[in-house]
Amino acid sequence: MSEVDNSRFDDIYDRINDLTVEVNSLKVQTSTYGTQQVAISQLLTLATGLAGDMRQVKSDIRELKANARNTDASINEILRLLRSRNSNE
C-alpha cells in the first residue's frame, strides 16, 4: 500500500471513531431522555391518583361536617325538649 492509501485509511478510521463517539453520546442522551419520560409519566400518574384521593378526602370532610351539623341540630332539639319538659313541671 502506498502512503496515500494509508493516509486515507487512517482518515476513514478517524471518522469512524468520531462517529462512534457521537453515536454513543446520542445513545446516552436518548437513554436519559427516555428515563426522564418514564419518570415524568410516573409522576403524572401519581399526581392524578393523588388528585383523586384528595377529591375523596374533600368529599369525606363535607360529609363529616354535614353529620356534625345534624348531630348539633339533634342535640339542640333534645336540649330544647328537656328544657320545655322541665319548665312544664
Protein backbone atom coordinates (compact mmCIF):
# COMPACT_ATOMS: atom_id res chain seq x y z
CA MET A 1 0.00 0.00 0.00
CA SER A 2 1.07 3.49 -0.67
CA GLU A 3 1.41 6.29 1.79
CA VAL A 4 -1.70 7.92 0.27
CA ASP A 5 -3.73 4.74 0.84
CA ASN A 6 -2.54 4.53 4.43
CA SER A 7 -3.45 8.15 4.96
CA ARG A 8 -6.93 7.55 3.53
CA PHE A 9 -7.46 4.51 5.75
CA ASP A 10 -6.30 6.48 8.79
CA ASP A 11 -8.72 9.24 7.88
CA ILE A 12 -11.55 6.71 7.46
CA TYR A 13 -10.75 5.10 10.85
CA ASP A 14 -10.62 8.53 12.49
CA ARG A 15 -14.02 9.38 11.03
CA ILE A 16 -15.43 6.03 12.15
CA ASN A 17 -14.09 6.64 15.67
CA ASP A 18 -15.58 10.14 15.72
CA LEU A 19 -18.93 8.78 14.54
CA THR A 20 -18.79 6.02 17.14
CA VAL A 21 -18.23 8.60 19.89
CA GLU A 22 -21.14 10.71 18.59
CA VAL A 23 -23.45 7.68 18.32
CA ASN A 24 -22.57 6.61 21.86
CA SER A 25 -23.23 10.13 23.08
CA LEU A 26 -26.61 10.13 21.34
CA LYS A 27 -27.40 6.75 22.90
CA VAL A 28 -26.70 8.16 26.34
CA GLN A 29 -28.80 11.24 25.65
CA THR A 30 -31.66 9.12 24.29
CA SER A 31 -31.45 6.80 27.26
CA THR A 32 -31.55 9.75 29.64
CA TYR A 33 -34.45 11.31 27.75
CA GLY A 34 -36.35 8.02 27.80
CA THR A 35 -35.71 7.66 31.52
CA GLN A 36 -36.92 11.21 32.10
CA GLN A 37 -40.07 10.49 30.11
CA VAL A 38 -40.76 7.41 32.22
CA ALA A 39 -40.15 9.39 35.43
CA ILE A 40 -42.45 12.20 34.26
CA SER A 41 -45.11 9.67 33.29
CA GLN A 42 -44.88 8.02 36.69
CA LEU A 43 -45.11 11.40 38.43
CA LEU A 44 -48.17 12.35 36.39
CA THR A 45 -49.80 9.03 37.21
CA LEU A 46 -49.04 9.56 40.89
CA ALA A 47 -50.31 13.16 40.79
CA THR A 48 -53.52 12.05 39.07
CA GLY A 49 -54.03 9.36 41.70
CA LEU A 50 -53.38 11.83 44.50
CA ALA A 51 -55.83 14.31 42.97
CA GLY A 52 -58.49 11.59 43.00
CA ASP A 53 -57.64 10.76 46.61
CA MET A 54 -57.89 14.45 47.55
CA ARG A 55 -61.32 14.70 45.93
CA GLN A 56 -62.43 11.73 48.03
CA VAL A 57 -60.96 13.26 51.20
CA LYS A 58 -62.76 16.55 50.50
CA SER A 59 -65.99 14.65 49.95
CA ASP A 60 -65.48 12.77 53.22
CA ILE A 61 -64.81 16.05 55.06
CA ARG A 62 -68.01 17.59 53.63
CA GLU A 63 -69.92 14.51 54.78
CA LEU A 64 -68.38 14.70 58.26
CA LYS A 65 -69.27 18.39 58.52
CA ALA A 66 -72.84 17.64 57.46
CA ASN A 67 -73.03 14.86 60.05
CA ALA A 68 -71.65 17.20 62.72
CA ARG A 69 -74.28 19.84 61.83
CA ASN A 70 -77.03 17.21 62.00
CA THR A 71 -75.73 15.96 65.36
CA ASP A 72 -75.56 19.51 66.65
CA ALA A 73 -79.13 20.16 65.50
CA SER A 74 -80.27 16.91 67.14
CA ILE A 75 -78.56 17.80 70.42
CA ASN A 76 -80.11 21.27 70.33
CA GLU A 77 -83.54 19.74 69.75
CA ILE A 78 -83.04 17.29 72.65
CA LEU A 79 -81.96 20.15 74.91
CA ARG A 80 -84.96 22.21 73.82
CA LEU A 81 -87.32 19.33 74.59
CA LEU A 82 -85.70 18.76 78.00
CA ARG A 83 -85.95 22.45 78.86
CA SER A 84 -89.52 22.53 77.70
CA ARG A 85 -90.35 19.49 79.80
CA ASN A 86 -88.60 20.90 82.87
CA SER A 87 -90.40 24.21 82.59
CA ASN A 88 -93.75 22.42 82.48
CA GLU A 89 -93.08 20.57 85.73
